[in-house]
Structures are given as C-alpha cells and as structure tokens.
Amino acid sequence: MKWKTKYPIDWDLPVHWAEILFAIRKENNLARKDVARMSGVSSSTIENYEKKKIKEPSIYKVEQILNAMGYELDALRFDK
C-alpha cells in the first residue's frame, strides 16, 4: 500500500519496515509514548524498532503497534 506522507519514502528503493512504522507514527502526530500507551508495547521497544536496533522484531508487537495506529500488518508490504 502506498500513501502520501509528509515524511517522504522513495518507493523506488527498498524500504525497511522500520521506516514505514516511523512514517505512520509521525503522520498520525503521535509520540512514541502515545503509541506505547495505545498498543501496550513499551516506548523503548518502539524506539528500538524505529532505529533498527532490533534485527528480528516480534511480529506480534509490530502488529499491536500498527493496529493501535489504525493500520494492519499489510501496511508493511509494498510492490517493487
């Protein structure tokens, strides 16, 4: 799914899921602590995901974060 965002993503390049997570959070004007409260995932975990510090994230936690912001896991899929 491609959407317009004020945090530009170059869809012609490979996009890391963490960049999409960050863009969705910023597009919704949410702080990490807000998403943490809504999703039940700690703000430090969200920060580590967005900064690509966690190589193999919990798909369940990523799904919780996305659902809290009104997205489904499919938001991380894209066409090349």
N, C-alpha and C. Protein backbone atom coordinates (compact mmCIF):
# COMPACT_ATOMS: atom_id res chain seq x y z
N MET A 1 0.85 -1.17 0.00
CA MET A 1 0.00 0.00 0.00
C MET A 1 0.89 1.22 0.00
N LYS A 2 0.64 2.12 -0.92
CA LYS A 2 1.40 3.36 -0.98
C LYS A 2 0.47 4.50 -0.58
N TRP A 3 0.96 5.39 0.24
CA TRP A 3 0.16 6.52 0.65
C TRP A 3 1.02 7.76 0.65
N LYS A 4 0.40 8.91 0.51
CA LYS A 4 1.13 10.16 0.56
C LYS A 4 1.43 10.48 2.01
N THR A 5 2.62 10.95 2.24
CA THR A 5 3.03 11.29 3.58
C THR A 5 3.96 12.48 3.54
N LYS A 6 3.92 13.29 4.56
CA LYS A 6 4.84 14.43 4.60
C LYS A 6 6.24 13.97 4.99
N TYR A 7 6.37 12.69 5.39
CA TYR A 7 7.66 12.09 5.66
C TYR A 7 7.95 11.19 4.48
N PRO A 8 8.63 11.74 3.45
CA PRO A 8 8.72 11.04 2.17
C PRO A 8 9.45 9.70 2.23
N ILE A 9 8.90 8.77 1.48
CA ILE A 9 9.51 7.46 1.30
C ILE A 9 9.70 7.28 -0.19
N ASP A 10 10.91 6.99 -0.60
CA ASP A 10 11.20 6.74 -2.01
C ASP A 10 10.84 5.29 -2.31
N TRP A 11 9.67 5.08 -2.91
CA TRP A 11 9.16 3.74 -3.15
C TRP A 11 9.94 2.98 -4.21
N ASP A 12 10.85 3.69 -4.93
CA ASP A 12 11.67 3.01 -5.93
C ASP A 12 12.87 2.31 -5.30
N LEU A 13 13.13 2.60 -4.03
CA LEU A 13 14.22 1.96 -3.29
C LEU A 13 13.63 0.97 -2.30
N PRO A 14 14.41 -0.04 -1.92
CA PRO A 14 13.91 -0.95 -0.87
C PRO A 14 13.63 -0.15 0.40
N VAL A 15 12.48 -0.39 1.00
CA VAL A 15 12.07 0.35 2.19
C VAL A 15 12.07 -0.60 3.39
N HIS A 16 12.76 -0.20 4.43
CA HIS A 16 12.80 -1.00 5.65
C HIS A 16 11.49 -0.80 6.40
N TRP A 17 10.95 -1.85 6.98
CA TRP A 17 9.67 -1.77 7.68
C TRP A 17 9.72 -0.73 8.80
N ALA A 18 10.88 -0.51 9.40
CA ALA A 18 11.00 0.46 10.50
C ALA A 18 10.75 1.88 10.01
N GLU A 19 11.14 2.17 8.77
CA GLU A 19 10.90 3.49 8.20
C GLU A 19 9.40 3.72 7.99
N ILE A 20 8.71 2.67 7.59
CA ILE A 20 7.26 2.78 7.40
C ILE A 20 6.57 2.98 8.75
N LEU A 21 7.01 2.22 9.74
CA LEU A 21 6.46 2.36 11.10
C LEU A 21 6.63 3.80 11.60
N PHE A 22 7.83 4.35 11.42
CA PHE A 22 8.11 5.72 11.82
C PHE A 22 7.22 6.71 11.07
N ALA A 23 7.12 6.54 9.75
CA ALA A 23 6.32 7.45 8.92
C ALA A 23 4.85 7.43 9.34
N ILE A 24 4.31 6.24 9.62
CA ILE A 24 2.92 6.13 10.05
C ILE A 24 2.72 6.84 11.39
N ARG A 25 3.65 6.65 12.31
CA ARG A 25 3.52 7.29 13.62
C ARG A 25 3.56 8.80 13.49
N LYS A 26 4.50 9.31 12.70
CA LYS A 26 4.62 10.76 12.51
C LYS A 26 3.42 11.33 11.77
N GLU A 27 2.94 10.60 10.78
CA GLU A 27 1.77 11.05 10.00
C GLU A 27 0.55 11.22 10.91
N ASN A 28 0.47 10.38 11.94
CA ASN A 28 -0.64 10.46 12.89
C ASN A 28 -0.36 11.39 14.06
N ASN A 29 0.77 12.11 13.99
CA ASN A 29 1.16 13.07 15.03
C ASN A 29 1.18 12.42 16.42
N LEU A 30 1.76 11.25 16.50
CA LEU A 30 1.81 10.52 17.76
C LEU A 30 3.25 10.44 18.27
N ALA A 31 3.41 10.63 19.56
CA ALA A 31 4.70 10.41 20.20
C ALA A 31 4.83 8.92 20.49
N ARG A 32 6.05 8.47 20.67
CA ARG A 32 6.25 7.05 20.98
C ARG A 32 5.48 6.65 22.24
N LYS A 33 5.46 7.54 23.23
CA LYS A 33 4.76 7.21 24.48
C LYS A 33 3.26 7.05 24.24
N ASP A 34 2.71 7.80 23.28
CA ASP A 34 1.29 7.66 22.94
C ASP A 34 1.01 6.29 22.33
N VAL A 35 1.86 5.91 21.39
CA VAL A 35 1.71 4.60 20.73
C VAL A 35 1.91 3.48 21.75
N ALA A 36 2.86 3.68 22.66
CA ALA A 36 3.11 2.67 23.70
C ALA A 36 1.88 2.48 24.56
N ARG A 37 1.26 3.58 24.95
CA ARG A 37 0.06 3.51 25.78
C ARG A 37 -1.07 2.82 25.03
N MET A 38 -1.23 3.13 23.76
CA MET A 38 -2.33 2.58 22.97
C MET A 38 -2.11 1.11 22.60
N SER A 39 -0.84 0.71 22.45
CA SER A 39 -0.55 -0.63 21.95
C SER A 39 -0.14 -1.62 23.03
N GLY A 40 0.34 -1.11 24.16
CA GLY A 40 0.83 -1.99 25.20
C GLY A 40 2.28 -2.42 24.98
N VAL A 41 2.93 -1.85 23.97
CA VAL A 41 4.34 -2.12 23.69
C VAL A 41 5.13 -0.94 24.24
N SER A 42 6.21 -1.21 24.94
CA SER A 42 6.96 -0.13 25.59
C SER A 42 7.52 0.87 24.58
N SER A 43 7.64 2.13 25.01
CA SER A 43 8.17 3.16 24.13
C SER A 43 9.62 2.88 23.76
N SER A 44 10.37 2.23 24.66
CA SER A 44 11.77 1.91 24.33
C SER A 44 11.83 0.85 23.23
N THR A 45 10.90 -0.10 23.25
CA THR A 45 10.85 -1.10 22.18
C THR A 45 10.49 -0.44 20.86
N ILE A 46 9.53 0.46 20.88
CA ILE A 46 9.13 1.18 19.66
C ILE A 46 10.33 1.97 19.12
N GLU A 47 11.03 2.65 20.01
CA GLU A 47 12.22 3.41 19.59
C GLU A 47 13.27 2.48 18.98
N ASN A 48 13.51 1.36 19.62
CA ASN A 48 14.49 0.40 19.09
C ASN A 48 14.07 -0.15 17.73
N TYR A 49 12.78 -0.37 17.53
CA TYR A 49 12.30 -0.81 16.22
C TYR A 49 12.56 0.27 15.19
N GLU A 50 12.16 1.50 15.49
CA GLU A 50 12.31 2.59 14.53
C GLU A 50 13.76 2.89 14.20
N LYS A 51 14.65 2.67 15.14
CA LYS A 51 16.08 2.92 14.91
C LYS A 51 16.82 1.69 14.41
N LYS A 52 16.06 0.65 14.08
CA LYS A 52 16.59 -0.59 13.51
C LYS A 52 17.60 -1.26 14.44
N LYS A 53 17.41 -1.11 15.74
CA LYS A 53 18.31 -1.73 16.71
C LYS A 53 17.94 -3.18 16.99
N ILE A 54 16.74 -3.58 16.62
CA ILE A 54 16.28 -4.95 16.83
C ILE A 54 16.19 -5.60 15.45
N LYS A 55 17.04 -6.58 15.23
CA LYS A 55 17.13 -7.22 13.90
C LYS A 55 15.91 -8.08 13.57
N GLU A 56 15.43 -8.83 14.56
CA GLU A 56 14.29 -9.72 14.33
C GLU A 56 13.18 -9.36 15.33
N PRO A 57 12.32 -8.43 14.93
CA PRO A 57 11.28 -7.98 15.85
C PRO A 57 10.18 -9.03 16.04
N SER A 58 9.47 -8.89 17.12
CA SER A 58 8.30 -9.72 17.34
C SER A 58 7.19 -9.25 16.40
N ILE A 59 6.75 -10.14 15.54
CA ILE A 59 5.70 -9.78 14.59
C ILE A 59 4.41 -9.41 15.33
N TYR A 60 4.22 -10.00 16.50
CA TYR A 60 3.03 -9.70 17.29
C TYR A 60 3.08 -8.28 17.85
N LYS A 61 4.27 -7.86 18.27
CA LYS A 61 4.40 -6.49 18.79
C LYS A 61 4.26 -5.47 17.67
N VAL A 62 4.84 -5.77 16.52
CA VAL A 62 4.71 -4.87 15.37
C VAL A 62 3.24 -4.74 14.99
N GLU A 63 2.54 -5.86 15.00
CA GLU A 63 1.11 -5.85 14.68
C GLU A 63 0.32 -5.03 15.72
N GLN A 64 0.66 -5.16 16.99
CA GLN A 64 0.00 -4.38 18.04
C GLN A 64 0.21 -2.89 17.81
N ILE A 65 1.43 -2.52 17.47
CA ILE A 65 1.75 -1.10 17.23
C ILE A 65 0.95 -0.58 16.05
N LEU A 66 0.95 -1.31 14.95
CA LEU A 66 0.21 -0.88 13.76
C LEU A 66 -1.29 -0.80 14.03
N ASN A 67 -1.84 -1.80 14.69
CA ASN A 67 -3.27 -1.80 15.00
C ASN A 67 -3.64 -0.60 15.86
N ALA A 68 -2.78 -0.24 16.80
CA ALA A 68 -3.06 0.91 17.67
C ALA A 68 -3.14 2.20 16.86
N MET A 69 -2.43 2.25 15.73
CA MET A 69 -2.45 3.46 14.89
C MET A 69 -3.46 3.35 13.75
N GLY A 70 -4.24 2.27 13.75
CA GLY A 70 -5.29 2.12 12.75
C GLY A 70 -4.85 1.43 11.47
N TYR A 71 -3.73 0.73 11.49
CA TYR A 71 -3.23 0.03 10.32
C TYR A 71 -3.17 -1.46 10.59
N GLU A 72 -3.14 -2.22 9.51
CA GLU A 72 -2.95 -3.66 9.62
C GLU A 72 -1.53 -4.00 9.20
N LEU A 73 -1.12 -5.18 9.49
CA LEU A 73 0.23 -5.62 9.16
C LEU A 73 0.52 -5.47 7.67
N ASP A 74 -0.50 -5.54 6.83
CA ASP A 74 -0.33 -5.39 5.38
C ASP A 74 0.26 -4.04 5.01
N ALA A 75 0.21 -3.05 5.90
CA ALA A 75 0.78 -1.74 5.61
C ALA A 75 2.28 -1.81 5.38
N LEU A 76 2.92 -2.87 5.84
CA LEU A 76 4.36 -3.02 5.68
C LEU A 76 4.75 -3.69 4.39
N ARG A 77 3.77 -4.13 3.62
CA ARG A 77 4.07 -4.75 2.34
C ARG A 77 4.07 -3.67 1.27
N PHE A 78 4.92 -3.85 0.27
CA PHE A 78 4.95 -2.88 -0.82
C PHE A 78 5.37 -3.58 -2.09
N ASP A 79 5.01 -2.98 -3.21
CA ASP A 79 5.40 -3.50 -4.53
C ASP A 79 6.69 -2.83 -4.95
N LYS A 80 7.57 -3.60 -5.56
CA LYS A 80 8.83 -3.02 -6.05
C LYS A 80 8.67 -2.48 -7.44
